[in-house]
Protein backbone atom coordinates (compact mmCIF):
# COMPACT_ATOMS: atom_id res chain seq x y z
CA MET A 1 -34.76 43.49 6.58
CA GLY A 2 -35.16 44.92 10.05
CA PHE A 3 -34.45 48.53 9.13
CA LEU A 4 -37.41 48.51 6.73
CA ARG A 5 -39.86 47.36 9.39
CA GLY A 6 -41.82 49.39 11.87
CA ARG A 7 -42.78 53.03 11.80
CA THR A 8 -40.87 56.32 11.84
CA ASN A 9 -42.34 59.59 13.06
CA ARG A 10 -41.82 62.92 11.30
CA ALA A 11 -38.96 64.10 13.53
CA THR A 12 -36.90 60.97 12.91
CA TYR A 13 -37.76 61.06 9.20
CA TRP A 14 -36.55 64.66 8.81
CA LEU A 15 -33.33 63.92 10.71
CA SER A 16 -32.67 60.80 8.62
CA LEU A 17 -33.47 62.64 5.40
CA GLY A 18 -31.12 65.46 6.38
CA VAL A 19 -28.29 63.04 7.12
CA VAL A 20 -28.80 61.20 3.83
CA ALA A 21 -29.00 64.46 1.86
CA THR A 22 -25.82 65.72 3.53
CA LEU A 23 -23.96 62.48 2.77
CA ILE A 24 -25.12 62.58 -0.85
CA ALA A 25 -24.07 66.23 -1.24
CA ILE A 26 -20.64 65.72 0.35
CA THR A 27 -19.99 62.58 -1.70
CA ALA A 28 -21.05 64.33 -4.91
CA LEU A 29 -18.76 67.28 -4.14
CA VAL A 30 -15.77 65.12 -3.28
CA PHE A 31 -16.07 62.66 -6.18
CA HIS A 32 -17.65 65.11 -8.70
CA GLN A 33 -20.33 62.64 -9.76
CA PRO A 34 -23.78 61.57 -8.63
CA VAL A 35 -23.97 59.01 -5.85
CA LYS A 36 -24.96 55.61 -7.23
CA VAL A 37 -26.87 54.49 -4.12
CA SER A 38 -28.74 57.73 -3.36
CA GLU A 39 -32.14 56.38 -4.43
CA ILE A 40 -31.64 53.25 -2.32
CA LEU A 41 -30.80 55.37 0.72
CA LEU A 42 -33.93 57.46 0.16
CA ILE A 43 -36.05 54.30 -0.09
CA ILE A 44 -34.59 53.07 3.21
CA VAL A 45 -35.59 56.38 4.84
CA CYS A 46 -39.05 56.52 3.24
CA VAL A 47 -40.34 52.97 3.84
CA PRO A 48 -40.76 53.25 7.65
CA ARG A 49 -42.31 56.70 7.19
CA LEU A 50 -44.81 55.28 4.70
CA HIS A 51 -45.57 52.56 7.26
CA ASP A 52 -46.22 55.29 9.83
CA ILE A 53 -49.02 56.73 7.70
CA GLY A 54 -50.45 53.27 7.01
CA ARG A 55 -49.09 52.88 3.47
CA SER A 56 -47.02 50.12 1.93
CA GLY A 57 -43.30 50.66 1.53
CA TRP A 58 -43.64 49.38 -2.03
CA ILE A 59 -44.88 52.87 -2.94
CA ALA A 60 -41.29 54.11 -2.55
CA GLY A 61 -40.11 51.34 -4.86
CA GLY A 62 -42.79 52.26 -7.38
CA VAL A 63 -41.62 55.88 -7.44
CA PHE A 64 -38.05 54.67 -8.00
CA ILE A 65 -39.14 52.42 -10.88
CA ALA A 66 -41.19 55.26 -12.41
CA GLU A 67 -38.10 57.51 -12.29
CA ILE A 68 -35.96 54.89 -14.03
CA VAL A 69 -38.63 54.25 -16.68
CA ALA A 70 -39.02 58.00 -17.37
CA ILE A 71 -35.27 58.44 -17.84
CA ILE A 72 -34.96 55.35 -20.06
CA LEU A 73 -37.91 56.51 -22.20
CA ALA A 74 -36.36 59.96 -22.45
CA ALA A 75 -33.07 58.41 -23.58
CA LEU A 76 -34.85 56.28 -26.18
CA LEU A 77 -37.25 58.93 -27.50
CA LEU A 78 -35.28 62.14 -27.17
CA HIS A 79 -32.13 62.41 -29.18
CA ASP A 80 -31.15 65.60 -27.41
CA GLU A 81 -28.93 65.32 -24.34
CA ASP A 82 -30.45 68.48 -22.86
CA GLY A 83 -33.93 66.95 -23.12
CA ILE A 84 -32.81 63.85 -21.27
CA TYR A 85 -31.30 65.99 -18.51
CA ALA A 86 -34.54 67.99 -18.38
CA VAL A 87 -36.57 64.81 -17.82
CA GLY A 88 -34.15 63.78 -15.07
CA GLY A 89 -34.47 67.23 -13.50
CA VAL A 90 -38.27 67.09 -13.54
CA ALA A 91 -38.12 63.61 -11.98
CA ALA A 92 -35.80 64.94 -9.26
CA LEU A 93 -38.19 67.84 -8.55
CA ILE A 94 -41.16 65.49 -8.30
CA ILE A 95 -39.27 63.17 -5.95
CA GLY A 96 -38.18 66.17 -3.86
CA GLY A 97 -41.79 67.29 -3.60
CA LEU A 98 -42.89 63.79 -2.57
CA LEU A 99 -40.15 63.68 0.09
CA ILE A 100 -41.38 66.98 1.54
CA TRP A 101 -45.01 65.83 1.37
CA LEU A 102 -44.13 62.60 3.16
CA GLY A 103 -42.49 64.57 5.95
CA CYS A 104 -45.55 66.78 6.43
CA ILE A 105 -48.25 64.11 6.74
CA PRO A 106 -49.23 63.42 10.36
CA SER A 107 -48.64 59.95 11.77
CA ASP A 108 -51.44 57.47 12.35
CA LYS A 109 -52.28 57.98 16.02
CA VAL A 110 -53.27 54.35 16.53
CA SER A 111 -51.69 51.01 15.68
CA ASN A 112 -51.83 50.01 12.05
CA ALA A 113 -50.67 46.98 10.05
CA TYR A 114 -47.04 48.05 10.56
CA GLY A 115 -47.07 48.36 14.35
CA GLY A 116 -47.90 50.74 17.14
CA PRO A 117 -47.38 54.49 16.90
CA PRO A 118 -43.76 55.58 17.34
CA LYS A 119 -42.77 57.48 20.46
CA PRO A 120 -42.62 61.27 20.16
CA GLY A 121 -39.27 62.85 19.37
CA ILE A 122 -36.33 61.37 17.59
CA GLY A 123 -35.92 57.62 17.94
CA PHE A 124 -34.75 54.67 15.91
CA ASP A 125 -36.36 51.89 17.95
CA ARG A 126 -38.16 49.56 15.52
CA SER A 127 -39.33 47.03 18.12
CA ALA A 128 -42.90 48.37 18.24
C-alpha cells in the first residue's frame, strides 16, 4: 500500500493527526457512537512517522493488537461494566501518550531503510 510507504516528518504528522482527530470527533458527535475505523486511521497516520524515525510500522499494529487484547481480557475477567470502560479509558490514554511521543521525536536526518529524509514543512510526497 503506497500510503504506508516512505517517511513523514513531524509537521505533516501533526497535521494528519489533527485532521483524523477532527473527523473522528465530528463523526462521533453526529452519529453518537465511536467511529469503527478510528484505530485504522491512526495506524495509517503513524506508520510513515515510525518509518521516519527508523522503526517498523508493525509497531503501530502491535499497539492496536495490545489494545484489543486488553479490552477482551477486561471483558472476560471483569464482570463489572465500569471496570471494562476503565480499562478502555486507560488504553486510550496510553495510546494518546504514544501519539504525542511519536510527534515529538526528531526525524532521522539521514536515509534509513524506509527512504531519504522528508522535505521540511508539510508535504505528502512519498516518492523518496
